[in-house]
């Protein structure tokens, strides 16, 4: 009465999940206006005026990103004007970040510049934030007046005109 329909044989290639770990590079002379979304890896060496979503993102020394960055592993060596929401954030000595950073793990090299709130958030809350946050027109303009700041020795972290030095770090009160 009832028979099971025979399914077509699937090949090994069809059974394996597709991995998007190819690197997309935005060259130094490239300027993009609009949001970038990739399941793979992105390296930005040019200018992006918009939000960026990527599993693994590298913002090179010559790069300027104006917008919110979402990802799993984010490495910043250039300039970011906007919020960063990522599980792992690494700021190199040449990094210049103006905006809040929500992270599970944060590493700041001596010499990096950060102006904004650095807040550790549980991984499940980060995942939820990455899925629910909607792109804003200009996240750099929505900075809060009152901020808490943290940083590593040698890093510059500020949110106001008052600056005090300790261990080579500069932090606003």
Protein backbone atom coordinates (compact mmCIF):
# COMPACT_ATOMS: atom_id res chain seq x y z
CA UNK A 1 0.00 0.00 0.00
CA UNK A 2 2.58 2.56 1.07
CA UNK A 3 6.02 2.40 -0.38
CA UNK A 4 9.06 4.42 0.40
CA UNK A 5 10.26 6.48 -2.51
CA UNK A 6 13.76 5.63 -3.53
CA UNK A 7 16.12 8.50 -3.04
CA UNK A 8 18.80 9.22 -5.54
CA UNK A 9 22.29 8.24 -4.44
CA UNK A 10 24.29 11.16 -3.07
CA UNK A 11 27.97 11.59 -3.67
CA UNK A 12 30.52 12.34 -0.98
CA UNK A 13 30.83 15.92 -2.25
CA UNK A 14 27.12 16.50 -1.68
CA UNK A 15 27.25 15.13 1.88
CA UNK A 16 30.11 17.30 3.09
CA UNK A 17 29.29 20.79 4.37
CA UNK A 18 30.57 23.70 2.35
CA UNK A 19 33.34 25.60 4.12
CA UNK A 20 33.69 29.27 3.29
CA UNK A 21 37.23 29.92 4.44
CA UNK A 22 38.42 31.63 1.31
CA UNK A 23 40.11 34.99 1.89
CA UNK A 24 38.62 38.09 0.28
CA UNK A 25 41.06 41.01 0.11
CA UNK A 26 40.00 44.64 -0.33
CA UNK A 27 43.08 46.37 -1.69
CA UNK A 28 44.53 49.62 -0.37
CA UNK A 29 43.25 51.61 -3.35
CA UNK A 30 39.67 50.30 -3.01
CA UNK A 31 36.91 52.33 -1.33
CA UNK A 32 33.52 50.74 -0.66
CA UNK A 33 30.33 52.48 0.45
CA UNK A 34 27.89 49.90 1.79
CA UNK A 35 27.78 46.88 4.07
CA UNK A 36 29.99 43.81 3.64
CA UNK A 37 28.79 40.34 4.61
CA UNK A 38 30.86 37.18 4.20
CA UNK A 39 30.86 33.67 5.65
CA UNK A 40 34.56 33.54 4.83
CA UNK A 41 37.60 35.56 5.81
CA UNK A 42 38.05 39.23 4.85
CA UNK A 43 41.19 41.36 4.85
CA UNK A 44 40.57 45.08 4.44
CA UNK A 45 43.44 47.31 3.38
CA UNK A 46 41.31 50.05 1.77
CA UNK A 47 38.37 52.12 2.99
CA UNK A 48 34.91 50.83 3.95
CA UNK A 49 32.04 53.13 4.85
CA UNK A 50 29.48 50.65 6.17
CA UNK A 51 29.05 47.67 8.48
CA UNK A 52 31.18 44.54 8.10
CA UNK A 53 30.13 40.99 9.06
CA UNK A 54 32.65 38.20 8.74
CA UNK A 55 33.78 35.11 10.57
CA UNK A 56 37.41 36.22 10.51
CA UNK A 57 38.33 39.81 9.71
CA UNK A 58 41.66 41.58 9.46
CA UNK A 59 41.72 45.37 9.25
CA UNK A 60 45.16 46.20 7.84
CA UNK A 61 47.37 49.14 8.81
CA UNK A 62 46.23 51.24 5.84
CA UNK A 63 42.53 50.44 6.28
CA UNK A 64 39.80 52.78 7.50
CA UNK A 65 36.45 51.26 8.47
CA UNK A 66 33.55 53.54 9.42
CA UNK A 67 30.74 51.35 10.71
CA UNK A 68 30.02 48.44 13.01
CA UNK A 69 32.16 45.31 12.78
CA UNK A 70 30.69 41.90 13.67
CA UNK A 71 32.64 38.66 13.70
CA UNK A 72 34.21 35.74 15.47
CA UNK A 73 37.91 36.66 15.22
CA UNK A 74 38.74 40.31 14.54
CA UNK A 75 42.30 41.66 14.20
CA UNK A 76 42.66 45.44 13.95
CA UNK A 77 45.88 47.08 12.75
CA UNK A 78 44.26 50.10 11.08
CA UNK A 79 41.52 52.62 11.90
CA UNK A 80 37.98 51.72 12.98
CA UNK A 81 35.33 54.36 13.68
CA UNK A 82 32.41 52.42 15.08
CA UNK A 83 31.45 49.54 17.33
CA UNK A 84 33.17 46.15 17.34
CA UNK A 85 31.16 43.08 18.38
CA UNK A 86 33.25 39.90 18.32
CA UNK A 87 34.24 36.85 20.30
CA UNK A 88 37.99 37.49 19.96
CA UNK A 89 39.39 40.98 19.32
CA UNK A 90 43.10 41.69 18.82
CA UNK A 91 44.31 45.30 18.60
CA UNK A 92 47.85 45.66 17.33
CA UNK A 93 50.19 48.53 18.20
CA UNK A 94 49.05 50.46 15.09
CA UNK A 95 45.31 50.12 15.80
CA UNK A 96 43.14 53.23 16.23
CA UNK A 97 39.62 52.44 17.45
CA UNK A 98 36.99 55.06 18.20
CA UNK A 99 33.94 53.18 19.41
CA UNK A 100 32.76 50.56 21.86
CA UNK A 101 34.13 47.01 21.87
CA UNK A 102 31.94 44.10 23.04
CA UNK A 103 34.03 40.95 23.29
CA UNK A 104 34.65 37.64 25.02
CA UNK A 105 38.44 37.96 24.66
CA UNK A 106 40.36 41.21 24.10
CA UNK A 107 44.07 41.71 23.49
CA UNK A 108 45.57 45.20 23.22
CA UNK A 109 49.22 45.69 22.24
CA UNK A 110 51.26 48.58 23.62
CA UNK A 111 50.76 51.66 21.46
CA UNK A 112 47.19 50.90 20.37
CA UNK A 113 44.65 53.73 20.69
CA UNK A 114 41.14 53.00 21.97
CA UNK A 115 38.46 55.56 22.73
CA UNK A 116 35.30 53.85 23.91
CA UNK A 117 33.83 51.26 26.22
CA UNK A 118 35.52 47.85 26.32
CA UNK A 119 33.03 45.37 27.73
CA UNK A 120 33.41 41.63 28.16
CA UNK A 121 30.21 39.82 27.23
CA UNK A 122 29.40 36.11 27.52
CA UNK A 123 29.70 34.22 24.19
CA UNK A 124 25.98 33.37 24.03
CA UNK A 125 25.09 37.05 24.54
CA UNK A 126 27.58 38.02 21.80
CA UNK A 127 26.01 35.56 19.39
CA UNK A 128 22.58 36.98 20.18
CA UNK A 129 23.86 40.56 19.73
CA UNK A 130 25.43 39.69 16.37
CA UNK A 131 22.13 38.23 15.17
CA UNK A 132 19.82 40.96 16.48
CA UNK A 133 21.82 44.19 16.08
CA UNK A 134 20.61 46.16 13.09
CA UNK A 135 23.00 48.34 11.09
CA UNK A 136 22.86 52.00 12.04
CA UNK A 137 23.29 54.91 9.68
CA UNK A 138 26.41 56.17 11.43
CA UNK A 139 27.45 54.25 14.55
CA UNK A 140 30.42 56.57 15.09
CA UNK A 141 28.01 59.42 15.84
CA UNK A 142 26.08 57.46 18.47
CA UNK A 143 28.85 57.46 21.09
CA UNK A 144 27.74 57.59 24.70
CA UNK A 145 28.69 60.53 26.90
CA UNK A 146 29.69 58.40 29.88
CA UNK A 147 32.05 55.48 29.31
CA UNK A 148 34.04 52.97 31.32
CA UNK A 149 37.52 52.34 29.99
CA UNK A 150 40.01 49.52 30.27
CA UNK A 151 43.32 48.94 28.57
CA UNK A 152 46.66 47.22 28.75
CA UNK A 153 49.91 48.92 29.78
CA UNK A 154 51.11 51.04 26.88
CA UNK A 155 47.65 51.32 25.32
CA UNK A 156 45.92 54.67 25.06
CA UNK A 157 42.32 54.59 26.24
CA UNK A 158 40.39 57.82 26.58
CA UNK A 159 36.89 59.26 26.63
CA UNK A 160 37.36 62.85 27.69
CA UNK A 161 39.75 65.74 28.04
CA UNK A 162 41.22 64.65 31.40
CA UNK A 163 44.13 62.26 31.02
CA UNK A 164 46.34 60.60 33.61
CA UNK A 165 49.30 58.35 32.95
CA UNK A 166 50.09 55.02 34.59
CA UNK A 167 52.50 52.36 33.35
CA UNK A 168 52.75 54.07 29.98
CA UNK A 169 48.96 53.96 29.60
CA UNK A 170 46.70 56.93 29.28
CA UNK A 171 43.16 56.58 30.59
CA UNK A 172 40.41 59.13 31.13
CA UNK A 173 38.65 59.31 34.46
